[in-house]
N, C-alpha and C. Protein backbone atom coordinates (compact mmCIF):
# COMPACT_ATOMS: atom_id res chain seq x y z
N MET A 1 22.02 -44.34 -64.38
CA MET A 1 20.75 -44.45 -65.09
C MET A 1 20.04 -43.10 -64.98
N ILE A 2 19.34 -42.77 -66.03
CA ILE A 2 18.62 -41.51 -66.08
C ILE A 2 17.15 -41.81 -66.24
N ASN A 3 16.32 -41.10 -65.51
CA ASN A 3 14.88 -41.25 -65.61
C ASN A 3 14.44 -40.80 -67.00
N VAL A 4 13.76 -41.66 -67.74
CA VAL A 4 13.32 -41.35 -69.10
C VAL A 4 12.44 -40.11 -69.10
N GLU A 5 11.61 -39.94 -68.08
CA GLU A 5 10.71 -38.80 -68.04
C GLU A 5 11.47 -37.48 -67.96
N GLY A 6 12.68 -37.51 -67.46
CA GLY A 6 13.47 -36.29 -67.33
C GLY A 6 14.25 -35.92 -68.58
N VAL A 7 14.22 -36.75 -69.61
CA VAL A 7 14.99 -36.52 -70.83
C VAL A 7 14.03 -36.51 -72.01
N LYS A 8 14.06 -35.44 -72.76
CA LYS A 8 13.20 -35.34 -73.95
C LYS A 8 14.07 -35.52 -75.19
N ILE A 9 13.81 -36.61 -75.90
CA ILE A 9 14.55 -36.88 -77.13
C ILE A 9 13.52 -37.12 -78.22
N ASN A 10 13.65 -36.43 -79.32
CA ASN A 10 12.75 -36.64 -80.44
C ASN A 10 13.41 -37.61 -81.40
N THR A 11 12.81 -38.76 -81.57
CA THR A 11 13.30 -39.80 -82.49
C THR A 11 12.14 -40.27 -83.33
N PRO A 12 12.40 -41.05 -84.39
CA PRO A 12 11.29 -41.58 -85.18
C PRO A 12 10.31 -42.41 -84.33
N GLU A 13 10.79 -43.00 -83.20
CA GLU A 13 9.91 -43.79 -82.35
C GLU A 13 9.02 -42.92 -81.47
N GLY A 14 9.33 -41.65 -81.37
CA GLY A 14 8.54 -40.74 -80.53
C GLY A 14 9.44 -40.03 -79.55
N SER A 15 8.81 -39.21 -78.69
CA SER A 15 9.60 -38.50 -77.70
C SER A 15 9.67 -39.31 -76.41
N ASN A 16 10.45 -38.82 -75.48
CA ASN A 16 10.66 -39.48 -74.19
C ASN A 16 11.35 -40.83 -74.31
N VAL A 17 12.10 -41.05 -75.38
CA VAL A 17 12.83 -42.30 -75.53
C VAL A 17 14.28 -42.01 -75.15
N CYS A 18 14.77 -42.73 -74.22
CA CYS A 18 16.15 -42.55 -73.76
C CYS A 18 16.93 -43.78 -74.16
N ASN A 19 17.76 -43.67 -75.19
CA ASN A 19 18.56 -44.79 -75.69
C ASN A 19 17.69 -46.03 -75.84
N PRO A 20 17.02 -46.20 -76.97
CA PRO A 20 16.08 -47.30 -77.17
C PRO A 20 16.65 -48.68 -76.87
N GLY A 21 17.97 -48.87 -76.99
CA GLY A 21 18.56 -50.19 -76.72
C GLY A 21 18.97 -50.37 -75.27
N PHE A 22 18.66 -49.41 -74.42
CA PHE A 22 19.11 -49.45 -73.03
C PHE A 22 18.41 -50.57 -72.26
N THR A 23 19.20 -51.31 -71.53
CA THR A 23 18.63 -52.33 -70.63
C THR A 23 19.25 -52.14 -69.25
N ILE A 24 18.51 -52.50 -68.25
CA ILE A 24 19.02 -52.41 -66.88
C ILE A 24 19.91 -53.62 -66.64
N PRO A 25 21.16 -53.38 -66.22
CA PRO A 25 22.07 -54.52 -66.02
C PRO A 25 21.59 -55.41 -64.87
N ASP A 26 21.82 -56.71 -65.04
CA ASP A 26 21.51 -57.66 -63.97
C ASP A 26 22.46 -57.42 -62.82
N THR A 27 21.94 -57.50 -61.62
CA THR A 27 22.79 -57.41 -60.44
C THR A 27 22.70 -58.72 -59.69
N ASP A 28 23.80 -59.09 -59.07
CA ASP A 28 23.80 -60.31 -58.28
C ASP A 28 22.99 -60.05 -57.02
N PRO A 29 22.03 -60.91 -56.71
CA PRO A 29 21.26 -60.71 -55.49
C PRO A 29 22.14 -60.97 -54.27
N GLU A 30 21.85 -60.25 -53.20
CA GLU A 30 22.58 -60.48 -51.95
C GLU A 30 22.28 -61.89 -51.47
N PRO A 31 23.31 -62.63 -51.06
CA PRO A 31 23.04 -63.98 -50.58
C PRO A 31 22.26 -63.94 -49.26
N GLU A 32 21.36 -64.88 -49.11
CA GLU A 32 20.61 -65.00 -47.87
C GLU A 32 21.54 -65.61 -46.83
N PRO A 33 21.60 -65.01 -45.64
CA PRO A 33 22.47 -65.60 -44.62
C PRO A 33 21.94 -66.95 -44.14
N ASP A 34 22.84 -67.87 -43.95
CA ASP A 34 22.51 -69.17 -43.39
C ASP A 34 22.28 -68.96 -41.90
N ASP A 35 21.26 -69.60 -41.35
CA ASP A 35 20.92 -69.40 -39.93
C ASP A 35 22.01 -69.87 -38.98
N ASP A 36 22.95 -70.65 -39.46
CA ASP A 36 23.94 -71.23 -38.56
C ASP A 36 25.38 -70.91 -38.97
N LYS A 37 25.57 -69.95 -39.91
CA LYS A 37 26.91 -69.64 -40.40
C LYS A 37 27.14 -68.14 -40.46
N ILE A 38 28.39 -67.77 -40.21
CA ILE A 38 28.85 -66.41 -40.44
C ILE A 38 30.02 -66.53 -41.41
N VAL A 39 29.99 -65.76 -42.49
CA VAL A 39 31.01 -65.86 -43.54
C VAL A 39 31.62 -64.49 -43.77
N ILE A 40 32.94 -64.45 -43.86
CA ILE A 40 33.65 -63.22 -44.23
C ILE A 40 34.43 -63.51 -45.50
N GLU A 41 34.30 -62.61 -46.47
CA GLU A 41 34.98 -62.76 -47.76
C GLU A 41 36.12 -61.76 -47.87
N ILE A 42 37.31 -62.28 -48.22
CA ILE A 42 38.48 -61.44 -48.47
C ILE A 42 38.25 -60.73 -49.80
N PRO A 43 38.66 -59.46 -49.95
CA PRO A 43 38.32 -58.69 -51.15
C PRO A 43 39.03 -59.16 -52.42
N ASP A 44 38.49 -58.68 -53.54
CA ASP A 44 39.11 -58.94 -54.85
C ASP A 44 40.51 -58.37 -54.88
N GLY A 45 41.33 -58.92 -55.76
CA GLY A 45 42.70 -58.45 -55.91
C GLY A 45 43.69 -59.28 -55.10
N ILE A 46 43.17 -60.14 -54.26
CA ILE A 46 44.00 -61.06 -53.50
C ILE A 46 43.62 -62.46 -54.00
N GLU A 47 44.60 -63.22 -54.43
CA GLU A 47 44.32 -64.48 -55.10
C GLU A 47 44.48 -65.68 -54.16
N ASP A 48 43.52 -66.59 -54.21
CA ASP A 48 43.52 -67.78 -53.36
C ASP A 48 44.77 -68.62 -53.55
N GLU A 49 45.26 -68.73 -54.80
CA GLU A 49 46.41 -69.60 -55.06
C GLU A 49 47.71 -69.07 -54.45
N TRP A 50 47.72 -67.85 -53.94
CA TRP A 50 48.91 -67.32 -53.28
C TRP A 50 49.14 -67.98 -51.92
N PHE A 51 48.10 -68.56 -51.35
CA PHE A 51 48.13 -68.95 -49.94
C PHE A 51 48.33 -70.45 -49.74
N LEU A 52 48.96 -70.76 -48.61
CA LEU A 52 49.05 -72.14 -48.14
C LEU A 52 47.72 -72.50 -47.50
N LYS A 53 47.48 -73.80 -47.30
CA LYS A 53 46.24 -74.22 -46.64
C LYS A 53 46.23 -73.66 -45.21
N ALA A 54 45.10 -73.07 -44.84
CA ALA A 54 44.98 -72.48 -43.51
C ALA A 54 45.13 -73.55 -42.43
N ASP A 55 46.06 -73.32 -41.52
CA ASP A 55 46.24 -74.28 -40.41
C ASP A 55 46.66 -73.56 -39.13
N ASP A 56 46.49 -72.26 -39.09
CA ASP A 56 46.92 -71.46 -37.96
C ASP A 56 45.69 -70.73 -37.41
N PHE A 57 45.09 -71.30 -36.37
CA PHE A 57 43.82 -70.82 -35.85
C PHE A 57 43.93 -70.50 -34.36
N ALA A 58 42.98 -69.70 -33.88
CA ALA A 58 42.84 -69.46 -32.44
C ALA A 58 41.39 -69.10 -32.15
N ILE A 59 40.96 -69.43 -30.94
CA ILE A 59 39.63 -69.06 -30.48
C ILE A 59 39.78 -68.43 -29.10
N ARG A 60 39.11 -67.29 -28.92
CA ARG A 60 39.08 -66.65 -27.61
C ARG A 60 37.63 -66.56 -27.15
N VAL A 61 37.41 -66.78 -25.87
CA VAL A 61 36.10 -66.59 -25.27
C VAL A 61 36.27 -65.54 -24.19
N ASP A 62 35.54 -64.44 -24.34
CA ASP A 62 35.66 -63.30 -23.43
C ASP A 62 37.11 -62.86 -23.26
N GLY A 63 37.86 -62.87 -24.38
CA GLY A 63 39.23 -62.38 -24.39
C GLY A 63 40.30 -63.38 -24.03
N LYS A 64 39.92 -64.56 -23.53
CA LYS A 64 40.91 -65.56 -23.12
C LYS A 64 41.03 -66.64 -24.19
N TYR A 65 42.29 -66.92 -24.57
CA TYR A 65 42.52 -67.96 -25.57
C TYR A 65 42.15 -69.33 -25.00
N GLU A 66 41.48 -70.12 -25.83
CA GLU A 66 41.06 -71.46 -25.44
C GLU A 66 42.16 -72.46 -25.79
N GLU A 67 42.45 -73.35 -24.87
CA GLU A 67 43.48 -74.37 -25.08
C GLU A 67 42.87 -75.67 -25.61
N SER A 68 41.56 -75.84 -25.47
CA SER A 68 40.94 -77.13 -25.78
C SER A 68 40.34 -77.19 -27.18
N ILE A 69 40.87 -76.40 -28.12
CA ILE A 69 40.34 -76.46 -29.48
C ILE A 69 40.85 -77.71 -30.19
N LYS A 70 40.08 -78.15 -31.17
CA LYS A 70 40.45 -79.32 -31.97
C LYS A 70 40.72 -78.85 -33.39
N ILE A 71 41.84 -79.27 -33.95
CA ILE A 71 42.15 -78.93 -35.34
C ILE A 71 42.34 -80.23 -36.10
N GLU A 72 41.50 -80.43 -37.10
CA GLU A 72 41.60 -81.62 -37.95
C GLU A 72 41.33 -81.20 -39.39
N GLY A 73 42.28 -81.46 -40.26
CA GLY A 73 42.09 -81.19 -41.69
C GLY A 73 41.77 -79.75 -42.01
N GLY A 74 42.41 -78.80 -41.34
CA GLY A 74 42.17 -77.39 -41.63
C GLY A 74 40.88 -76.86 -41.04
N ILE A 75 40.30 -77.60 -40.09
CA ILE A 75 39.06 -77.17 -39.43
C ILE A 75 39.32 -77.09 -37.94
N GLU A 76 39.01 -75.97 -37.35
CA GLU A 76 39.18 -75.78 -35.91
C GLU A 76 37.80 -75.74 -35.29
N SER A 77 37.64 -76.40 -34.14
CA SER A 77 36.33 -76.39 -33.52
C SER A 77 36.44 -76.31 -32.01
N LEU A 78 35.38 -75.80 -31.40
CA LEU A 78 35.23 -75.72 -29.96
C LEU A 78 33.74 -75.77 -29.69
N ASP A 79 33.32 -76.74 -28.92
CA ASP A 79 31.90 -76.87 -28.54
C ASP A 79 30.96 -76.87 -29.74
N GLY A 80 31.34 -77.55 -30.81
CA GLY A 80 30.46 -77.70 -31.97
C GLY A 80 30.46 -76.53 -32.93
N VAL A 81 31.25 -75.49 -32.66
CA VAL A 81 31.36 -74.35 -33.57
C VAL A 81 32.69 -74.47 -34.29
N LYS A 82 32.66 -74.38 -35.62
CA LYS A 82 33.87 -74.62 -36.42
C LYS A 82 34.25 -73.39 -37.23
N ILE A 83 35.56 -73.21 -37.40
CA ILE A 83 36.07 -72.18 -38.30
C ILE A 83 36.84 -72.86 -39.41
N THR A 84 36.54 -72.48 -40.64
CA THR A 84 37.23 -73.04 -41.81
C THR A 84 37.54 -71.90 -42.78
N GLU A 85 38.47 -72.17 -43.67
CA GLU A 85 38.81 -71.22 -44.74
C GLU A 85 38.89 -71.99 -46.04
N GLU A 86 38.21 -71.46 -47.05
CA GLU A 86 38.29 -72.04 -48.38
C GLU A 86 38.03 -70.95 -49.39
N ASN A 87 38.88 -70.87 -50.40
CA ASN A 87 38.75 -69.87 -51.47
C ASN A 87 38.61 -68.45 -50.92
N LEU A 88 39.41 -68.14 -49.90
CA LEU A 88 39.44 -66.83 -49.27
C LEU A 88 38.09 -66.43 -48.66
N LYS A 89 37.34 -67.42 -48.22
CA LYS A 89 36.13 -67.20 -47.43
C LYS A 89 36.33 -67.92 -46.11
N VAL A 90 36.26 -67.15 -45.03
CA VAL A 90 36.38 -67.73 -43.69
C VAL A 90 34.96 -67.93 -43.18
N THR A 91 34.65 -69.16 -42.76
CA THR A 91 33.31 -69.50 -42.32
C THR A 91 33.33 -69.98 -40.88
N ILE A 92 32.42 -69.42 -40.09
CA ILE A 92 32.19 -69.90 -38.73
C ILE A 92 30.84 -70.61 -38.80
N SER A 93 30.83 -71.92 -38.62
CA SER A 93 29.58 -72.67 -38.70
C SER A 93 29.23 -73.25 -37.34
N GLY A 94 27.95 -73.45 -37.13
CA GLY A 94 27.48 -73.96 -35.85
C GLY A 94 27.28 -72.86 -34.82
N VAL A 95 27.11 -71.60 -35.27
CA VAL A 95 27.00 -70.50 -34.32
C VAL A 95 25.76 -70.59 -33.44
N GLY A 96 24.81 -71.41 -33.83
CA GLY A 96 23.64 -71.63 -32.98
C GLY A 96 24.02 -72.25 -31.65
N ASN A 97 25.20 -72.91 -31.58
CA ASN A 97 25.68 -73.53 -30.35
C ASN A 97 26.33 -72.54 -29.38
N LEU A 98 26.54 -71.29 -29.82
CA LEU A 98 27.17 -70.31 -28.95
C LEU A 98 26.24 -69.91 -27.82
N ALA A 99 26.82 -69.69 -26.64
CA ALA A 99 26.05 -69.21 -25.50
C ALA A 99 25.91 -67.69 -25.61
N ALA A 100 24.76 -67.18 -25.24
CA ALA A 100 24.56 -65.73 -25.23
C ALA A 100 25.39 -65.13 -24.11
N SER A 101 25.62 -63.85 -24.20
CA SER A 101 26.33 -63.03 -23.20
C SER A 101 27.83 -63.28 -23.12
N HIS A 102 28.40 -63.99 -24.09
CA HIS A 102 29.85 -64.15 -24.17
C HIS A 102 30.30 -63.61 -25.51
N GLU A 103 31.53 -63.07 -25.56
CA GLU A 103 32.09 -62.67 -26.85
C GLU A 103 33.07 -63.74 -27.29
N TYR A 104 32.84 -64.27 -28.48
CA TYR A 104 33.70 -65.29 -29.08
C TYR A 104 34.50 -64.62 -30.19
N THR A 105 35.79 -64.88 -30.22
CA THR A 105 36.64 -64.35 -31.28
C THR A 105 37.30 -65.53 -31.98
N TYR A 106 37.07 -65.64 -33.26
CA TYR A 106 37.66 -66.69 -34.09
C TYR A 106 38.71 -66.03 -34.96
N GLU A 107 39.93 -66.58 -34.94
CA GLU A 107 41.05 -66.00 -35.67
C GLU A 107 41.67 -67.05 -36.59
N VAL A 108 42.09 -66.59 -37.75
CA VAL A 108 42.82 -67.45 -38.68
C VAL A 108 43.87 -66.59 -39.37
N TRP A 109 45.06 -67.18 -39.53
CA TRP A 109 46.15 -66.54 -40.26
C TRP A 109 46.29 -67.27 -41.58
N LEU A 110 46.25 -66.53 -42.67
CA LEU A 110 46.43 -67.08 -44.01
C LEU A 110 47.81 -66.66 -44.48
N TRP A 111 48.69 -67.63 -44.66
CA TRP A 111 50.10 -67.35 -45.00
C TRP A 111 50.31 -67.46 -46.50
N VAL A 112 50.96 -66.44 -47.07
CA VAL A 112 51.32 -66.45 -48.49
C VAL A 112 52.53 -67.38 -48.65
N SER A 113 52.51 -68.21 -49.69
CA SER A 113 53.63 -69.13 -49.90
C SER A 113 54.89 -68.36 -50.26
N GLU A 114 56.03 -68.92 -49.89
CA GLU A 114 57.31 -68.27 -50.14
C GLU A 114 57.54 -68.07 -51.64
N GLU A 115 57.17 -69.05 -52.45
CA GLU A 115 57.36 -68.94 -53.90
C GLU A 115 56.55 -67.77 -54.47
N THR A 116 55.33 -67.62 -54.00
CA THR A 116 54.48 -66.52 -54.47
C THR A 116 55.07 -65.18 -54.09
N TRP A 117 55.51 -65.07 -52.83
CA TRP A 117 56.06 -63.79 -52.35
C TRP A 117 57.29 -63.40 -53.16
N LYS A 118 58.13 -64.38 -53.50
CA LYS A 118 59.32 -64.09 -54.31
C LYS A 118 58.94 -63.58 -55.69
N SER A 119 57.76 -63.97 -56.20
CA SER A 119 57.34 -63.55 -57.53
C SER A 119 56.69 -62.17 -57.53
N PHE A 120 56.39 -61.62 -56.36
CA PHE A 120 55.78 -60.29 -56.28
C PHE A 120 56.79 -59.24 -56.73
N SER A 121 56.32 -58.23 -57.43
CA SER A 121 57.18 -57.11 -57.80
C SER A 121 57.40 -56.24 -56.55
N ASP A 122 58.38 -55.35 -56.63
CA ASP A 122 58.64 -54.44 -55.51
C ASP A 122 57.40 -53.60 -55.20
N SER A 123 56.67 -53.18 -56.23
CA SER A 123 55.47 -52.36 -55.99
C SER A 123 54.36 -53.18 -55.33
N GLN A 124 54.24 -54.47 -55.69
CA GLN A 124 53.25 -55.33 -55.05
C GLN A 124 53.61 -55.54 -53.58
N LYS A 125 54.89 -55.73 -53.30
CA LYS A 125 55.33 -55.90 -51.91
C LYS A 125 55.06 -54.64 -51.11
N ALA A 126 55.35 -53.48 -51.70
CA ALA A 126 55.11 -52.22 -51.00
C ALA A 126 53.61 -52.02 -50.75
N ALA A 127 52.77 -52.39 -51.70
CA ALA A 127 51.32 -52.25 -51.53
C ALA A 127 50.80 -53.16 -50.43
N TRP A 128 51.45 -54.32 -50.22
CA TRP A 128 51.01 -55.27 -49.18
C TRP A 128 51.06 -54.63 -47.80
N VAL A 129 52.05 -53.77 -47.58
CA VAL A 129 52.22 -53.14 -46.27
C VAL A 129 52.09 -51.62 -46.37
N SER A 130 51.24 -51.16 -47.27
CA SER A 130 51.13 -49.72 -47.52
C SER A 130 50.47 -48.94 -46.39
N GLY A 131 49.78 -49.62 -45.50
CA GLY A 131 49.07 -48.91 -44.43
C GLY A 131 49.99 -48.15 -43.51
N ASP A 132 50.84 -48.86 -42.76
CA ASP A 132 51.73 -48.20 -41.81
C ASP A 132 53.18 -48.66 -41.98
N GLY A 133 53.48 -49.31 -43.10
CA GLY A 133 54.83 -49.81 -43.33
C GLY A 133 55.01 -51.23 -42.85
N ASN A 134 54.17 -51.66 -41.91
CA ASN A 134 54.21 -53.03 -41.41
C ASN A 134 53.03 -53.85 -41.89
N GLY A 135 51.98 -53.19 -42.33
CA GLY A 135 50.79 -53.89 -42.77
C GLY A 135 49.71 -52.93 -43.21
N THR A 136 48.60 -53.50 -43.66
CA THR A 136 47.50 -52.72 -44.18
C THR A 136 46.19 -53.26 -43.64
N ASP A 137 45.37 -52.39 -43.07
CA ASP A 137 44.05 -52.76 -42.59
C ASP A 137 43.11 -52.85 -43.79
N ILE A 138 42.57 -54.03 -44.05
CA ILE A 138 41.64 -54.21 -45.17
C ILE A 138 40.24 -54.59 -44.67
N THR A 139 39.97 -54.29 -43.41
CA THR A 139 38.69 -54.64 -42.79
C THR A 139 37.51 -54.13 -43.60
N ASP A 140 37.55 -52.86 -44.00
CA ASP A 140 36.41 -52.26 -44.69
C ASP A 140 36.19 -52.83 -46.09
N LEU A 141 37.18 -53.52 -46.63
CA LEU A 141 37.04 -54.12 -47.96
C LEU A 141 36.41 -55.50 -47.91
N CYS A 142 36.29 -56.08 -46.72
CA CYS A 142 35.77 -57.44 -46.56
C CYS A 142 34.28 -57.40 -46.26
N LYS A 143 33.59 -58.41 -46.75
CA LYS A 143 32.14 -58.49 -46.59
C LYS A 143 31.79 -59.62 -45.62
N VAL A 144 30.86 -59.33 -44.71
CA VAL A 144 30.39 -60.34 -43.75
C VAL A 144 28.93 -60.63 -44.01
N THR A 145 28.59 -61.91 -44.01
CA THR A 145 27.20 -62.35 -44.08
C THR A 145 26.92 -63.09 -42.79
N ALA A 146 25.87 -62.66 -42.07
CA ALA A 146 25.57 -63.26 -40.77
C ALA A 146 24.06 -63.33 -40.57
N PRO A 147 23.61 -64.34 -39.84
CA PRO A 147 22.18 -64.42 -39.54
C PRO A 147 21.77 -63.38 -38.51
N LYS A 148 20.49 -63.14 -38.38
CA LYS A 148 19.98 -62.22 -37.37
C LYS A 148 20.22 -62.83 -35.99
N GLY A 149 20.32 -61.95 -35.00
CA GLY A 149 20.48 -62.41 -33.63
C GLY A 149 21.91 -62.45 -33.14
N TYR A 150 22.83 -61.93 -33.96
CA TYR A 150 24.25 -61.92 -33.60
C TYR A 150 24.83 -60.53 -33.84
N VAL A 151 25.68 -60.09 -32.93
CA VAL A 151 26.46 -58.89 -33.14
C VAL A 151 27.82 -59.37 -33.65
N VAL A 152 28.20 -58.93 -34.85
CA VAL A 152 29.43 -59.42 -35.49
C VAL A 152 30.32 -58.23 -35.83
N ARG A 153 31.58 -58.30 -35.40
CA ARG A 153 32.60 -57.34 -35.78
C ARG A 153 33.72 -58.10 -36.47
N LYS A 154 34.47 -57.41 -37.31
CA LYS A 154 35.57 -58.08 -38.00
C LYS A 154 36.80 -57.18 -38.00
N ASN A 155 37.95 -57.80 -38.04
CA ASN A 155 39.23 -57.12 -38.24
C ASN A 155 40.02 -57.97 -39.23
N VAL A 156 40.47 -57.36 -40.31
CA VAL A 156 41.24 -58.08 -41.32
C VAL A 156 42.46 -57.22 -41.66
N TYR A 157 43.63 -57.83 -41.59
CA TYR A 157 44.88 -57.09 -41.70
C TYR A 157 45.87 -57.88 -42.55
N LYS A 158 46.52 -57.20 -43.50
CA LYS A 158 47.62 -57.80 -44.27
C LYS A 158 48.91 -57.34 -43.63
N GLY A 159 49.85 -58.24 -43.42
CA GLY A 159 51.10 -57.82 -42.81
C GLY A 159 52.24 -58.77 -43.11
N LEU A 160 53.35 -58.52 -42.43
CA LEU A 160 54.55 -59.34 -42.53
C LEU A 160 54.91 -59.82 -41.14
N SER A 161 55.40 -61.06 -41.05
CA SER A 161 55.74 -61.61 -39.74
C SER A 161 56.95 -62.51 -39.86
N GLY A 162 57.62 -62.70 -38.74
CA GLY A 162 58.74 -63.64 -38.70
C GLY A 162 60.04 -63.02 -39.16
N HIS A 163 61.11 -63.80 -39.03
CA HIS A 163 62.44 -63.28 -39.36
C HIS A 163 62.66 -63.12 -40.86
N THR A 164 61.81 -63.76 -41.68
CA THR A 164 61.96 -63.61 -43.13
C THR A 164 60.86 -62.74 -43.72
N ASP A 165 60.13 -62.00 -42.87
CA ASP A 165 59.03 -61.15 -43.33
C ASP A 165 58.04 -61.93 -44.19
N THR A 166 57.49 -62.98 -43.61
CA THR A 166 56.50 -63.80 -44.31
C THR A 166 55.17 -63.04 -44.36
N PRO A 167 54.60 -62.87 -45.56
CA PRO A 167 53.33 -62.14 -45.67
C PRO A 167 52.15 -63.01 -45.23
N TYR A 168 51.14 -62.36 -44.66
CA TYR A 168 49.97 -63.07 -44.17
C TYR A 168 48.76 -62.14 -44.21
N ILE A 169 47.59 -62.74 -44.04
CA ILE A 169 46.36 -62.00 -43.74
C ILE A 169 45.83 -62.61 -42.45
N LYS A 170 45.55 -61.77 -41.48
CA LYS A 170 44.94 -62.23 -40.23
C LYS A 170 43.48 -61.78 -40.23
N VAL A 171 42.59 -62.75 -40.03
CA VAL A 171 41.16 -62.49 -39.98
C VAL A 171 40.68 -62.78 -38.56
N SER A 172 40.05 -61.80 -37.95
CA SER A 172 39.43 -61.98 -36.62
C SER A 172 37.95 -61.65 -36.75
N ILE A 173 37.13 -62.57 -36.28
CA ILE A 173 35.68 -62.37 -36.29
C ILE A 173 35.20 -62.44 -34.85
N HIS A 174 34.61 -61.35 -34.38
CA HIS A 174 34.11 -61.26 -33.01
C HIS A 174 32.60 -61.44 -33.05
N ILE A 175 32.09 -62.38 -32.28
CA ILE A 175 30.66 -62.72 -32.33
C ILE A 175 30.08 -62.72 -30.93
N THR A 176 28.96 -62.05 -30.77
CA THR A 176 28.18 -62.12 -29.54
C THR A 176 26.77 -62.50 -29.93
N LYS A 177 26.26 -63.57 -29.35
CA LYS A 177 24.89 -63.98 -29.60
C LYS A 177 23.99 -63.15 -28.71
N GLU A 178 22.98 -62.55 -29.32
CA GLU A 178 22.09 -61.70 -28.55
C GLU A 178 21.19 -62.52 -27.63
N GLU A 179 20.86 -61.96 -26.49
CA GLU A 179 19.94 -62.61 -25.54
C GLU A 179 18.56 -62.65 -26.17
N ILE A 180 17.85 -63.73 -25.96
CA ILE A 180 16.49 -63.84 -26.51
C ILE A 180 15.48 -63.54 -25.44
């Protein structure tokens, strides 16, 4: 956009007119964070229909994996805090239940279906692991929405795993509730 005052154009309508039909494009407003949810969005260019239903989760508290998590219907929970994935948005809900002074790490692996992977071209497969040959860090391409009062870090990585090189995206969200 150009400041109209900085451009002198003589037209029948007068001077200082910069493209009379110009309109400022609408922009999507930033979503307001929910007070009890942290959401991370996987970037454009990765399609939801490529993936199987998320069912591979883990929770760590202060670096130690928790054994007492509950998984029901693609939802993992511990102490009233749940992690879910839908339409390539990973949501941690119930964060108000987190204790301050602990670091919680919520992890989910999103597996690409075998049929989808077979349909990828060689260039698409190469792009999937273009970072270091084994995978690609896409952390900076992902967007996090979080309420105030939490320190949130994210790690998002595309890679291959297993004996058949199954493609996946691993999402890790590290959360520390600030002391009040």
